[in-house]
C-alpha atoms as a PDB file:
ATOM      1  CA  MET A   1      -9.035 -19.795 -16.793  1.00  0.00           C
ATOM      2  CA  LEU A   2      -6.340 -18.276 -14.603  1.00  0.00           C
ATOM      3  CA  LYS A   3      -4.495 -15.237 -15.926  1.00  0.00           C
ATOM      4  CA  VAL A   4      -1.082 -14.032 -14.857  1.00  0.00           C
ATOM      5  CA  SER A   5       0.595 -10.618 -14.756  1.00  0.00           C
ATOM      6  CA  PHE A   6       3.855  -9.325 -13.334  1.00  0.00           C
ATOM      7  CA  ALA A   7       5.710  -6.507 -11.615  1.00  0.00           C
ATOM      8  CA  LYS A   8       9.489  -6.245 -11.301  1.00  0.00           C
ATOM      9  CA  ILE A   9      10.831  -4.301  -8.337  1.00  0.00           C
ATOM     10  CA  GLU A  10      14.444  -3.537  -7.449  1.00  0.00           C
ATOM     11  CA  LEU A  11      14.829  -4.208  -3.722  1.00  0.00           C
ATOM     12  CA  GLN A  12      17.600  -2.388  -1.880  1.00  0.00           C
ATOM     13  CA  LYS A  13      19.141  -3.886   1.238  1.00  0.00           C
ATOM     14  CA  LEU A  14      19.695  -1.745   4.293  1.00  0.00           C
ATOM     15  CA  TYR A  15      22.975  -3.576   4.863  1.00  0.00           C
ATOM     16  CA  PRO A  16      24.682  -5.520   2.036  1.00  0.00           C
ATOM     17  CA  LEU A  17      24.741  -9.234   2.813  1.00  0.00           C
ATOM     18  CA  ALA A  18      28.138 -10.890   2.344  1.00  0.00           C
ATOM     19  CA  ILE A  19      28.398 -14.689   2.498  1.00  0.00           C
ATOM     20  CA  SER A  20      31.081 -17.154   1.420  1.00  0.00           C
ATOM     21  CA  ARG A  21      29.910 -17.024  -2.227  1.00  0.00           C
ATOM     22  CA  GLY A  22      29.695 -13.251  -2.653  1.00  0.00           C
ATOM     23  CA  THR A  23      27.887 -10.071  -1.625  1.00  0.00           C
ATOM     24  CA  MET A  24      24.381  -8.856  -2.493  1.00  0.00           C
ATOM     25  CA  SER A  25      23.269  -5.268  -1.869  1.00  0.00           C
ATOM     26  CA  SER A  26      20.116  -5.363  -4.008  1.00  0.00           C
ATOM     27  CA  SER A  27      18.005  -7.750  -6.036  1.00  0.00           C
ATOM     28  CA  GLN A  28      15.431  -7.493  -8.777  1.00  0.00           C
ATOM     29  CA  ASN A  29      12.440  -9.480  -7.577  1.00  0.00           C
ATOM     30  CA  LEU A  30       9.500 -10.583  -9.679  1.00  0.00           C
ATOM     31  CA  PHE A  31       5.987 -10.320  -8.261  1.00  0.00           C
ATOM     32  CA  VAL A  32       3.391 -12.585  -9.848  1.00  0.00           C
ATOM     33  CA  PHE A  33      -0.337 -11.846  -9.839  1.00  0.00           C
ATOM     34  CA  LEU A  34      -2.603 -14.821 -10.539  1.00  0.00           C
ATOM     35  CA  THR A  35      -6.294 -14.023 -11.002  1.00  0.00           C
ATOM     36  CA  ASP A  36      -9.499 -15.895 -11.709  1.00  0.00           C
ATOM     37  CA  GLY A  37     -11.364 -12.649 -12.382  1.00  0.00           C
ATOM     38  CA  LYS A  38     -12.656 -12.377  -8.810  1.00  0.00           C
ATOM     39  CA  HIS A  39      -9.685 -13.109  -6.567  1.00  0.00           C
ATOM     40  CA  THR A  40      -5.990 -12.479  -7.111  1.00  0.00           C
ATOM     41  CA  GLY A  41      -3.127 -14.418  -5.589  1.00  0.00           C
ATOM     42  CA  LEU A  42       0.308 -12.874  -5.130  1.00  0.00           C
ATOM     43  CA  GLY A  43       3.653 -14.651  -5.391  1.00  0.00           C
ATOM     44  CA  GLU A  44       7.295 -13.627  -5.479  1.00  0.00           C
ATOM     45  CA  LEU A  45      10.526 -14.686  -7.177  1.00  0.00           C
ATOM     46  CA  SER A  46      13.750 -13.750  -5.418  1.00  0.00           C
ATOM     47  CA  PRO A  47      17.177 -14.605  -6.882  1.00  0.00           C
ATOM     48  CA  ALA A  48      19.999 -16.059  -4.811  1.00  0.00           C
ATOM     49  CA  THR A  49      23.529 -14.699  -4.526  1.00  0.00           C
ATOM     50  CA  SER A  50      25.498 -15.443  -7.733  1.00  0.00           C
ATOM     51  CA  SER A  51      22.495 -17.215  -9.283  1.00  0.00           C
ATOM     52  CA  PRO A  52      21.316 -17.357 -12.938  1.00  0.00           C
ATOM     53  CA  TRP A  53      17.709 -17.538 -11.704  1.00  0.00           C
ATOM     54  CA  THR A  54      16.765 -13.972 -12.643  1.00  0.00           C
ATOM     55  CA  ALA A  55      13.438 -12.153 -12.689  1.00  0.00           C
ATOM     56  CA  ASP A  56      13.476 -11.849 -16.490  1.00  0.00           C
ATOM     57  CA  ARG A  57      14.199 -15.531 -16.982  1.00  0.00           C
ATOM     58  CA  GLY A  58      11.548 -16.520 -14.464  1.00  0.00           C
ATOM     59  CA  GLN A  59       8.905 -14.333 -16.096  1.00  0.00           C
ATOM     60  CA  ALA A  60       9.637 -15.865 -19.498  1.00  0.00           C
ATOM     61  CA  GLN A  61       9.258 -19.361 -18.046  1.00  0.00           C
ATOM     62  CA  ILE A  62       5.952 -18.529 -16.349  1.00  0.00           C
ATOM     63  CA  GLU A  63       4.626 -16.912 -19.526  1.00  0.00           C
ATOM     64  CA  GLY A  64       5.555 -20.035 -21.457  1.00  0.00           C
ATOM     65  CA  LEU A  65       3.647 -22.247 -19.026  1.00  0.00           C
ATOM     66  CA  ALA A  66       0.644 -19.894 -19.047  1.00  0.00           C
ATOM     67  CA  GLU A  67       0.264 -20.288 -22.821  1.00  0.00           C
ATOM     68  CA  THR A  68      -0.863 -23.882 -22.263  1.00  0.00           C
ATOM     69  CA  GLY A  69      -2.976 -23.130 -19.175  1.00  0.00           C
ATOM     70  CA  ILE A  70      -2.160 -22.835 -15.486  1.00  0.00           C
ATOM     71  CA  PRO A  71      -3.490 -25.749 -13.393  1.00  0.00           C
ATOM     72  CA  GLU A  72      -5.704 -24.710 -10.480  1.00  0.00           C
ATOM     73  CA  ASN A  73      -4.434 -27.455  -8.164  1.00  0.00           C
ATOM     74  CA  PRO A  74      -1.014 -26.789  -6.576  1.00  0.00           C
ATOM     75  CA  PHE A  75       0.144 -30.395  -6.954  1.00  0.00           C
ATOM     76  CA  ASP A  76      -0.793 -30.490 -10.640  1.00  0.00           C
ATOM     77  CA  LEU A  77       0.928 -27.137 -11.112  1.00  0.00           C
ATOM     78  CA  ASP A  78       4.060 -28.379  -9.352  1.00  0.00           C
ATOM     79  CA  GLN A  79       4.210 -31.448 -11.598  1.00  0.00           C
ATOM     80  CA  LYS A  80       3.782 -29.370 -14.754  1.00  0.00           C
ATOM     81  CA  MET A  81       6.473 -26.878 -13.729  1.00  0.00           C
ATOM     82  CA  ARG A  82       8.939 -29.681 -13.009  1.00  0.00           C
ATOM     83  CA  GLN A  83       8.225 -31.284 -16.370  1.00  0.00           C
ATOM     84  CA  LEU A  84       9.115 -27.933 -17.968  1.00  0.00           C
ATOM     85  CA  ARG A  85      12.313 -27.739 -15.857  1.00  0.00           C
ATOM     86  CA  MET A  86      11.496 -24.258 -14.643  1.00  0.00           C
ATOM     87  CA  ASP A  87      13.860 -22.432 -12.295  1.00  0.00           C
ATOM     88  CA  PRO A  88      12.958 -23.105  -8.627  1.00  0.00           C
ATOM     89  CA  PRO A  89      12.320 -19.396  -7.779  1.00  0.00           C
ATOM     90  CA  ALA A  90       9.988 -19.071 -10.781  1.00  0.00           C
ATOM     91  CA  MET A  91       8.170 -22.180  -9.617  1.00  0.00           C
ATOM     92  CA  ALA A  92       7.974 -20.741  -6.107  1.00  0.00           C
ATOM     93  CA  ALA A  93       6.481 -17.462  -7.313  1.00  0.00           C
ATOM     94  CA  LEU A  94       3.653 -19.186  -9.192  1.00  0.00           C
ATOM     95  CA  ASP A  95       3.110 -21.822  -6.500  1.00  0.00           C
ATOM     96  CA  ILE A  96       2.842 -19.157  -3.764  1.00  0.00           C
ATOM     97  CA  ALA A  97       0.452 -17.118  -5.891  1.00  0.00           C
ATOM     98  CA  LEU A  98      -1.813 -20.149  -6.413  1.00  0.00           C
ATOM     99  CA  TRP A  99      -1.878 -21.069  -2.722  1.00  0.00           C
ATOM    100  CA  ASP A 100      -2.685 -17.419  -1.921  1.00  0.00           C
ATOM    101  CA  LEU A 101      -5.504 -17.438  -4.475  1.00  0.00           C
ATOM    102  CA  ILE A 102      -6.951 -20.657  -3.059  1.00  0.00           C
ATOM    103  CA  GLY A 103      -6.877 -19.186   0.456  1.00  0.00           C
ATOM    104  CA  LYS A 104      -8.660 -16.059  -0.726  1.00  0.00           C
ATOM    105  CA  ARG A 105     -11.302 -18.107  -2.511  1.00  0.00           C
ATOM    106  CA  ALA A 106     -11.897 -20.095   0.671  1.00  0.00           C
ATOM    107  CA  GLN A 107     -11.669 -16.961   2.859  1.00  0.00           C
ATOM    108  CA  MET A 108      -9.115 -18.780   5.009  1.00  0.00           C
ATOM    109  CA  PRO A 109      -5.636 -17.798   6.135  1.00  0.00           C
ATOM    110  CA  LEU A 110      -3.020 -19.988   4.503  1.00  0.00           C
ATOM    111  CA  TYR A 111      -1.839 -21.557   7.754  1.00  0.00           C
ATOM    112  CA  ALA A 112      -5.403 -22.777   8.446  1.00  0.00           C
ATOM    113  CA  LEU A 113      -5.820 -23.965   4.859  1.00  0.00           C
ATOM    114  CA  LEU A 114      -2.705 -26.097   5.403  1.00  0.00           C
ATOM    115  CA  GLY A 115      -4.197 -27.499   8.605  1.00  0.00           C
ATOM    116  CA  LEU A 116      -1.659 -25.757  10.846  1.00  0.00           C
ATOM    117  CA  PRO A 117      -1.972 -23.701  14.029  1.00  0.00           C
ATOM    118  CA  ASN A 118      -1.035 -20.028  14.083  1.00  0.00           C
ATOM    119  CA  ARG A 119       2.178 -20.586  15.972  1.00  0.00           C
ATOM    120  CA  GLY A 120       5.243 -18.465  15.393  1.00  0.00           C
ATOM    121  CA  VAL A 121       8.750 -19.741  16.129  1.00  0.00           C
ATOM    122  CA  PRO A 122      11.295 -17.002  16.960  1.00  0.00           C
ATOM    123  CA  THR A 123      13.283 -16.080  13.881  1.00  0.00           C
ATOM    124  CA  SER A 124      17.008 -15.522  13.578  1.00  0.00           C
ATOM    125  CA  VAL A 125      18.231 -12.252  12.121  1.00  0.00           C
ATOM    126  CA  THR A 126      21.427 -12.312  10.111  1.00  0.00           C
ATOM    127  CA  ILE A 127      24.743 -10.523  10.161  1.00  0.00           C
ATOM    128  CA  GLY A 128      26.839 -11.069   7.046  1.00  0.00           C
ATOM    129  CA  ILE A 129      30.607 -11.453   6.784  1.00  0.00           C
ATOM    130  CA  ASN A 130      32.188  -8.100   7.651  1.00  0.00           C
ATOM    131  CA  PRO A 131      35.354  -6.627   9.122  1.00  0.00           C
ATOM    132  CA  PRO A 132      35.042  -6.798  12.935  1.00  0.00           C
ATOM    133  CA  ALA A 133      34.541  -3.030  13.302  1.00  0.00           C
ATOM    134  CA  VAL A 134      31.579  -3.114  10.900  1.00  0.00           C
ATOM    135  CA  THR A 135      30.099  -6.130  12.664  1.00  0.00           C
ATOM    136  CA  LYS A 136      30.317  -4.394  16.051  1.00  0.00           C
ATOM    137  CA  GLU A 137      28.439  -1.412  14.650  1.00  0.00           C
ATOM    138  CA  ARG A 138      25.704  -3.293  12.802  1.00  0.00           C
ATOM    139  CA  VAL A 139      24.772  -6.068  15.242  1.00  0.00           C
ATOM    140  CA  PRO A 140      23.318  -3.792  17.966  1.00  0.00           C
ATOM    141  CA  ASP A 141      21.305  -1.873  15.367  1.00  0.00           C
ATOM    142  CA  ILE A 142      19.880  -5.067  13.857  1.00  0.00           C
ATOM    143  CA  LEU A 143      18.919  -6.532  17.237  1.00  0.00           C
ATOM    144  CA  ARG A 144      17.539  -3.282  18.646  1.00  0.00           C
ATOM    145  CA  ARG A 145      15.503  -2.507  15.535  1.00  0.00           C
ATOM    146  CA  THR A 146      13.973  -5.974  15.181  1.00  0.00           C
ATOM    147  CA  GLY A 147      13.698  -7.181  18.767  1.00  0.00           C
ATOM    148  CA  ALA A 148      14.930 -10.583  17.581  1.00  0.00           C
ATOM    149  CA  LYS A 149      15.957 -13.268  20.065  1.00  0.00           C
ATOM    150  CA  ALA A 150      18.465 -15.099  17.878  1.00  0.00           C
ATOM    151  CA  LEU A 151      21.379 -13.952  15.728  1.00  0.00           C
ATOM    152  CA  LYS A 152      22.706 -15.919  12.753  1.00  0.00           C
ATOM    153  CA  ILE A 153      26.356 -15.161  12.034  1.00  0.00           C
ATOM    154  CA  LYS A 154      27.600 -15.819   8.517  1.00  0.00           C
ATOM    155  CA  LEU A 155      31.030 -17.442   8.397  1.00  0.00           C
ATOM    156  CA  GLY A 156      33.084 -19.157   5.697  1.00  0.00           C
ATOM    157  CA  SER A 157      35.169 -16.086   4.886  1.00  0.00           C
ATOM    158  CA  PRO A 158      37.458 -16.379   1.848  1.00  0.00           C
ATOM    159  CA  ASP A 159      40.168 -15.052   4.192  1.00  0.00           C
ATOM    160  CA  GLY A 160      40.065 -18.236   6.282  1.00  0.00           C
ATOM    161  CA  ILE A 161      38.974 -19.376   9.707  1.00  0.00           C
ATOM    162  CA  GLU A 162      41.052 -16.843  11.633  1.00  0.00           C
ATOM    163  CA  ALA A 163      39.049 -14.092   9.919  1.00  0.00           C
ATOM    164  CA  ASP A 164      35.895 -16.061  10.789  1.00  0.00           C
ATOM    165  CA  LYS A 165      36.909 -16.126  14.444  1.00  0.00           C
ATOM    166  CA  GLU A 166      37.499 -12.374  14.529  1.00  0.00           C
ATOM    167  CA  HIS A 167      34.136 -11.700  12.881  1.00  0.00           C
ATOM    168  CA  PHE A 168      32.352 -14.131  15.221  1.00  0.00           C
ATOM    169  CA  MET A 169      33.878 -12.603  18.351  1.00  0.00           C
ATOM    170  CA  ALA A 170      32.883  -9.123  17.212  1.00  0.00           C
ATOM    171  CA  ALA A 171      29.294 -10.344  16.796  1.00  0.00           C
ATOM    172  CA  TRP A 172      29.410 -12.232  20.093  1.00  0.00           C
ATOM    173  CA  GLU A 173      30.674  -9.217  22.035  1.00  0.00           C
ATOM    174  CA  SER A 174      28.292  -6.694  20.451  1.00  0.00           C
ATOM    175  CA  SER A 175      25.260  -8.976  20.962  1.00  0.00           C
ATOM    176  CA  SER A 176      26.006  -9.960  24.569  1.00  0.00           C
ATOM    177  CA  MET A 177      23.866  -7.218  26.106  1.00  0.00           C
ATOM    178  CA  PHE A 178      20.834  -8.469  24.146  1.00  0.00           C
ATOM    179  CA  HIS A 179      21.038 -12.052  25.510  1.00  0.00           C
ATOM    180  CA  VAL A 180      20.229 -13.646  22.158  1.00  0.00           C
ATOM    181  CA  LYS A 181      20.920 -17.160  20.946  1.00  0.00           C
ATOM    182  CA  LEU A 182      23.736 -17.514  18.432  1.00  0.00           C
ATOM    183  CA  ARG A 183      23.638 -19.643  15.289  1.00  0.00           C
ATOM    184  CA  VAL A 184      26.245 -19.980  12.528  1.00  0.00           C
ATOM    185  CA  ASP A 185      25.941 -20.490   8.778  1.00  0.00           C
ATOM    186  CA  ALA A 186      29.125 -21.217   6.808  1.00  0.00           C
ATOM    187  CA  ASN A 187      27.357 -21.429   3.408  1.00  0.00           C
ATOM    188  CA  GLY A 188      29.720 -24.215   2.409  1.00  0.00           C
ATOM    189  CA  GLY A 189      32.790 -22.074   2.986  1.00  0.00           C
ATOM    190  CA  TRP A 190      34.947 -24.582   4.908  1.00  0.00           C
ATOM    191  CA  THR A 191      37.005 -27.669   4.218  1.00  0.00           C
ATOM    192  CA  TRP A 192      36.069 -30.563   6.486  1.00  0.00           C
ATOM    193  CA  GLN A 193      39.295 -30.042   8.431  1.00  0.00           C
ATOM    194  CA  ASP A 194      38.474 -26.392   9.106  1.00  0.00           C
ATOM    195  CA  ALA A 195      34.859 -27.296   9.806  1.00  0.00           C
ATOM    196  CA  ARG A 196      35.914 -29.767  12.515  1.00  0.00           C
ATOM    197  CA  LYS A 197      38.129 -27.138  14.158  1.00  0.00           C
ATOM    198  CA  MET A 198      35.475 -24.421  13.928  1.00  0.00           C
ATOM    199  CA  MET A 199      32.654 -26.595  15.238  1.00  0.00           C
ATOM    200  CA  LYS A 200      34.612 -27.368  18.405  1.00  0.00           C
ATOM    201  CA  TRP A 201      35.594 -23.692  18.768  1.00  0.00           C
ATOM    202  CA  LEU A 202      31.985 -22.546  18.270  1.00  0.00           C
ATOM    203  CA  TRP A 203      30.636 -25.181  20.671  1.00  0.00           C
ATOM    204  CA  GLU A 204      32.888 -23.733  23.364  1.00  0.00           C
ATOM    205  CA  ARG A 205      31.119 -20.393  22.749  1.00  0.00           C
ATOM    206  CA  ASP A 206      27.567 -21.733  23.152  1.00  0.00           C
ATOM    207  CA  VAL A 207      26.475 -21.686  19.519  1.00  0.00           C
ATOM    208  CA  ASP A 208      23.174 -23.516  18.903  1.00  0.00           C
ATOM    209  CA  TYR A 209      24.012 -25.221  15.603  1.00  0.00           C
ATOM    210  CA  ILE A 210      26.047 -24.977  12.403  1.00  0.00           C
ATOM    211  CA  GLU A 211      24.483 -24.704   8.974  1.00  0.00           C
ATOM    212  CA  GLN A 212      26.035 -25.995   5.719  1.00  0.00           C
ATOM    213  CA  PRO A 213      29.646 -26.396   6.894  1.00  0.00           C
ATOM    214  CA  LEU A 214      30.756 -28.008   3.599  1.00  0.00           C
ATOM    215  CA  VAL A 215      30.152 -26.917   0.030  1.00  0.00           C
ATOM    216  CA  GLU A 216      27.275 -28.498  -1.881  1.00  0.00           C
ATOM    217  CA  GLY A 217      28.654 -31.569  -3.637  1.00  0.00           C
ATOM    218  CA  ASN A 218      30.906 -32.631  -0.756  1.00  0.00           C
ATOM    219  CA  GLU A 219      28.192 -34.471   1.162  1.00  0.00           C
ATOM    220  CA  ASP A 220      30.358 -37.631   1.227  1.00  0.00           C
ATOM    221  CA  GLU A 221      32.630 -35.820   3.701  1.00  0.00           C
ATOM    222  CA  LEU A 222      29.806 -35.072   6.136  1.00  0.00           C
ATOM    223  CA  PRO A 223      30.182 -38.382   8.059  1.00  0.00           C
ATOM    224  CA  LEU A 224      33.689 -37.212   9.029  1.00  0.00           C
ATOM    225  CA  LEU A 225      32.064 -34.299  10.855  1.00  0.00           C
ATOM    226  CA  PHE A 226      28.879 -35.982  12.000  1.00  0.00           C
ATOM    227  CA  GLU A 227      30.524 -38.834  13.900  1.00  0.00           C
ATOM    228  CA  ARG A 228      32.285 -36.577  16.410  1.00  0.00           C
ATOM    229  CA  ARG A 229      30.249 -33.410  16.037  1.00  0.00           C
ATOM    230  CA  LYS A 230      30.099 -30.951  18.906  1.00  0.00           C
ATOM    231  CA  LEU A 231      27.173 -29.067  17.346  1.00  0.00           C
ATOM    232  CA  PRO A 232      24.050 -30.111  15.446  1.00  0.00           C
ATOM    233  CA  ILE A 233      24.577 -29.931  11.676  1.00  0.00           C
ATOM    234  CA  PHE A 234      21.903 -28.578   9.327  1.00  0.00           C
ATOM    235  CA  CYS A 235      22.160 -28.817   5.538  1.00  0.00           C
ATOM    236  CA  ASP A 236      20.881 -25.967   3.369  1.00  0.00           C
ATOM    237  CA  GLU A 237      22.385 -25.723  -0.122  1.00  0.00           C
ATOM    238  CA  SER A 238      22.584 -29.531  -0.199  1.00  0.00           C
ATOM    239  CA  VAL A 239      18.768 -29.818  -0.033  1.00  0.00           C
ATOM    240  CA  ARG A 240      16.615 -28.627  -2.931  1.00  0.00           C
ATOM    241  CA  THR A 241      13.830 -31.231  -3.086  1.00  0.00           C
ATOM    242  CA  SER A 242      12.494 -34.054  -0.949  1.00  0.00           C
ATOM    243  CA  GLN A 243      14.620 -36.521  -2.944  1.00  0.00           C
ATOM    244  CA  ASP A 244      17.755 -34.929  -1.483  1.00  0.00           C
ATOM    245  CA  VAL A 245      16.772 -35.727   2.109  1.00  0.00           C
ATOM    246  CA  PRO A 246      17.146 -39.545   2.452  1.00  0.00           C
ATOM    247  CA  PRO A 247      20.842 -39.658   1.421  1.00  0.00           C
ATOM    248  CA  LEU A 248      21.614 -37.097   4.147  1.00  0.00           C
ATOM    249  CA  ALA A 249      19.669 -38.755   6.949  1.00  0.00           C
ATOM    250  CA  ASP A 250      22.686 -40.586   8.410  1.00  0.00           C
ATOM    251  CA  ARG A 251      25.044 -37.594   8.347  1.00  0.00           C
ATOM    252  CA  VAL A 252      23.126 -34.480   9.474  1.00  0.00           C
ATOM    253  CA  ASP A 253      20.799 -33.524  12.313  1.00  0.00           C
ATOM    254  CA  GLY A 254      18.421 -31.451  10.232  1.00  0.00           C
ATOM    255  CA  ILE A 255      17.645 -29.724   6.956  1.00  0.00           C
ATOM    256  CA  ASN A 256      16.978 -26.108   6.040  1.00  0.00           C
ATOM    257  CA  LEU A 257      14.575 -25.564   3.177  1.00  0.00           C
ATOM    258  CA  LYS A 258      13.906 -22.345   1.297  1.00  0.00           C
ATOM    259  CA  LEU A 259      10.817 -21.762  -0.821  1.00  0.00           C
ATOM    260  CA  MET A 260      12.989 -20.233  -3.549  1.00  0.00           C
ATOM    261  CA  LYS A 261      15.168 -23.318  -3.933  1.00  0.00           C
ATOM    262  CA  SER A 262      12.470 -25.953  -3.326  1.00  0.00           C
ATOM    263  CA  GLY A 263      10.074 -24.443  -5.856  1.00  0.00           C
ATOM    264  CA  GLY A 264       7.425 -23.281  -3.403  1.00  0.00           C
ATOM    265  CA  ILE A 265       5.074 -24.446  -0.679  1.00  0.00           C
ATOM    266  CA  THR A 266       4.003 -27.663  -2.392  1.00  0.00           C
ATOM    267  CA  GLU A 267       7.473 -29.207  -2.483  1.00  0.00           C
ATOM    268  CA  ALA A 268       8.311 -27.692   0.908  1.00  0.00           C
ATOM    269  CA  LEU A 269       5.520 -29.788   2.428  1.00  0.00           C
ATOM    270  CA  ARG A 270       7.096 -32.921   0.917  1.00  0.00           C
ATOM    271  CA  ILE A 271      10.536 -31.956   2.221  1.00  0.00           C
ATOM    272  CA  VAL A 272       9.244 -31.513   5.767  1.00  0.00           C
ATOM    273  CA  ALA A 273       7.365 -34.826   5.658  1.00  0.00           C
ATOM    274  CA  THR A 274      10.438 -36.654   4.338  1.00  0.00           C
ATOM    275  CA  ALA A 275      12.727 -35.071   6.924  1.00  0.00           C
ATOM    276  CA  ARG A 276      10.393 -35.976   9.794  1.00  0.00           C
ATOM    277  CA  ALA A 277      10.067 -39.531   8.490  1.00  0.00           C
ATOM    278  CA  HIS A 278      13.864 -39.810   8.763  1.00  0.00           C
ATOM    279  CA  GLY A 279      13.963 -38.348  12.270  1.00  0.00           C
ATOM    280  CA  LEU A 280      15.543 -35.048  11.201  1.00  0.00           C
ATOM    281  CA  LYS A 281      14.970 -31.559  12.563  1.00  0.00           C
ATOM    282  CA  THR A 282      13.585 -28.893  10.238  1.00  0.00           C
ATOM    283  CA  MET A 283      14.293 -25.268   9.479  1.00  0.00           C
ATOM    284  CA  ILE A 284      12.996 -22.735   6.964  1.00  0.00           C
ATOM    285  CA  GLY A 285      15.171 -19.932   5.619  1.00  0.00           C
ATOM    286  CA  CYS A 286      15.018 -17.238   2.967  1.00  0.00           C
ATOM    287  CA  MET A 287      17.026 -15.513   0.247  1.00  0.00           C
ATOM    288  CA  SER A 288      16.250 -11.869  -0.579  1.00  0.00           C
ATOM    289  CA  GLU A 289      12.474 -11.920  -0.314  1.00  0.00           C
ATOM    290  CA  SER A 290      10.086  -9.155   0.642  1.00  0.00           C
ATOM    291  CA  SER A 291       7.188  -9.673   3.044  1.00  0.00           C
ATOM    292  CA  VAL A 292       5.277 -11.507   0.294  1.00  0.00           C
ATOM    293  CA  ALA A 293       7.348 -14.697   0.196  1.00  0.00           C
ATOM    294  CA  ILE A 294       8.218 -14.336   3.886  1.00  0.00           C
ATOM    295  CA  ALA A 295       4.498 -14.376   4.736  1.00  0.00           C
ATOM    296  CA  ALA A 296       4.111 -17.572   2.704  1.00  0.00           C
ATOM    297  CA  GLY A 297       6.950 -19.157   4.684  1.00  0.00           C
ATOM    298  CA  ALA A 298       5.531 -17.893   7.972  1.00  0.00           C
ATOM    299  CA  ALA A 299       2.225 -19.620   7.217  1.00  0.00           C
ATOM    300  CA  MET A 300       4.153 -22.901   7.490  1.00  0.00           C
ATOM    301  CA  SER A 301       6.095 -21.911  10.619  1.00  0.00           C
ATOM    302  CA  ALA A 302       4.405 -24.440  12.909  1.00  0.00           C
ATOM    303  CA  LEU A 303       6.180 -27.192  10.945  1.00  0.00           C
ATOM    304  CA  PHE A 304       9.706 -26.073  11.851  1.00  0.00           C
ATOM    305  CA  ASP A 305      12.092 -26.331  14.770  1.00  0.00           C
ATOM    306  CA  HIS A 306      14.023 -23.240  13.653  1.00  0.00           C
ATOM    307  CA  ILE A 307      13.129 -20.258  11.498  1.00  0.00           C
ATOM    308  CA  ASP A 308      15.314 -17.834   9.594  1.00  0.00           C
ATOM    309  CA  LEU A 309      12.747 -15.561   7.919  1.00  0.00           C
ATOM    310  CA  ASP A 310      14.369 -12.158   8.142  1.00  0.00           C
ATOM    311  CA  SER A 311      15.273 -10.897   4.649  1.00  0.00           C
ATOM    312  CA  HIS A 312      12.395  -8.384   4.616  1.00  0.00           C
ATOM    313  CA  LEU A 313      13.740  -6.852   7.832  1.00  0.00           C
ATOM    314  CA  ASN A 314      16.881  -5.807   5.924  1.00  0.00           C
ATOM    315  CA  LEU A 315      15.123  -3.993   3.069  1.00  0.00           C
ATOM    316  CA  ASN A 316      15.135  -0.245   2.564  1.00  0.00           C
ATOM    317  CA  PRO A 317      12.218  -0.176   2.049  1.00  0.00           C
ATOM    318  CA  ASP A 318      10.153  -3.367   2.048  1.00  0.00           C
ATOM    319  CA  PRO A 319       7.645  -2.873  -0.804  1.00  0.00           C
ATOM    320  CA  ALA A 320       5.148  -5.160   0.914  1.00  0.00           C
ATOM    321  CA  SER A 321       3.434  -5.716   4.248  1.00  0.00           C
ATOM    322  CA  GLY A 322       2.035  -8.759   5.978  1.00  0.00           C
ATOM    323  CA  ALA A 323       4.968 -10.412   7.763  1.00  0.00           C
ATOM    324  CA  PRO A 324       5.388  -8.513  11.030  1.00  0.00           C
ATOM    325  CA  ILE A 325       7.906  -9.527  13.670  1.00  0.00           C
ATOM    326  CA  VAL A 326       6.122  -9.902  17.018  1.00  0.00           C
ATOM    327  CA  ASP A 327       8.033 -10.805  20.185  1.00  0.00           C
ATOM    328  CA  GLY A 328      10.912 -12.062  18.075  1.00  0.00           C
ATOM    329  CA  GLY A 329       8.835 -14.197  15.714  1.00  0.00           C
ATOM    330  CA  ILE A 330       7.323 -13.764  12.252  1.00  0.00           C
ATOM    331  CA  VAL A 331       3.665 -14.431  12.974  1.00  0.00           C
ATOM    332  CA  PRO A 332       1.128 -15.390  10.263  1.00  0.00           C
ATOM    333  CA  THR A 333      -1.738 -12.949   9.868  1.00  0.00           C
ATOM    334  CA  ASP A 334      -5.395 -13.968   9.893  1.00  0.00           C
ATOM    335  CA  ARG A 335      -6.125 -12.397   6.508  1.00  0.00           C
ATOM    336  CA  PRO A 336      -7.204 -14.795   3.728  1.00  0.00           C
ATOM    337  CA  GLY A 337      -4.285 -16.354   1.875  1.00  0.00           C
ATOM    338  CA  HIS A 338      -0.779 -15.624   3.069  1.00  0.00           C
ATOM    339  CA  GLY A 339      -1.906 -12.143   4.090  1.00  0.00           C
ATOM    340  CA  ALA A 340       0.807 -10.073   2.389  1.00  0.00           C
ATOM    341  CA  GLU A 341       0.279  -7.350  -0.194  1.00  0.00           C
ATOM    342  CA  LEU A 342       2.381  -4.920  -2.186  1.00  0.00           C
ATOM    343  CA  ILE A 343       2.237  -1.381  -0.841  1.00  0.00           C
ATOM    344  CA  SER A 344       4.745   0.346  -3.138  1.00  0.00           C
ATOM    345  CA  SER A 345       6.794  -0.109  -6.291  1.00  0.00           C
ATOM    346  CA  CYS A 346       9.980   1.259  -4.651  1.00  0.00           C
END
């Protein structure tokens, strides 16, 4: 029988992350240890900005499931967690821990267990919404410290698109010497009218793509943007499970999944398969995870066209290891399981 235990750790961000929905400077993350008496798998719950999916609530849900027995097959576990209507980050923590345990039992790295090559895709690093002077100061530090080859610029400012333009230009100017690709994430902060204006303006400045231009729930307005789009459109908040993908297939170019909102690796595999079946591009992102959940995402990196696995690079400190950035990419390790481990309790 599998047994579960927990550790809660307050993670501090090096730079607070401001997006259209609010600002996060720290998060209480839940680390889940799943053991069979010989091997122990490690998972992680990370809350989202302005989310009710807390560490305490997730632990209570996992403890409730454990009272009736934790399935040892990830697909059976996923089904049981969905029947119990558990929070997606709680599901992700337990799902990641089980996949890690299975990899350790098999003495295989997780990417190989999933039948994937060890192939890293360069990750974006993120600059949140800031006054232009702050952006100009932080962008060079972020790029110099990480060696990243792509910068994701958060837009969707509550102050409107003129503020977005000022913030973007500050990031563009301060990143120019690093010759990085530029991506934009509005986190649903625009109306479709502003989104149309901004997408043309951003296209003129060589942005790669735009992520979540409209707020979740306004997907019916996406065809207005998609028909005459200047940039590829990726949906993020609008996609939680594989069932969300088909209705979007005629109005976006790709989807961005996160382990914390999909409920873990098991559902993430379904999302990727569904997206590919509909001819869509794929991306994997993150919330406020340490190297533990980032390593789990990196194990799947060969499945994605774009990667945004950088939250652990903005922690002070990261309580875990196992998700190094190498030549601009988060590369899976060859250790059994996802390869990450806790190294401190902060």
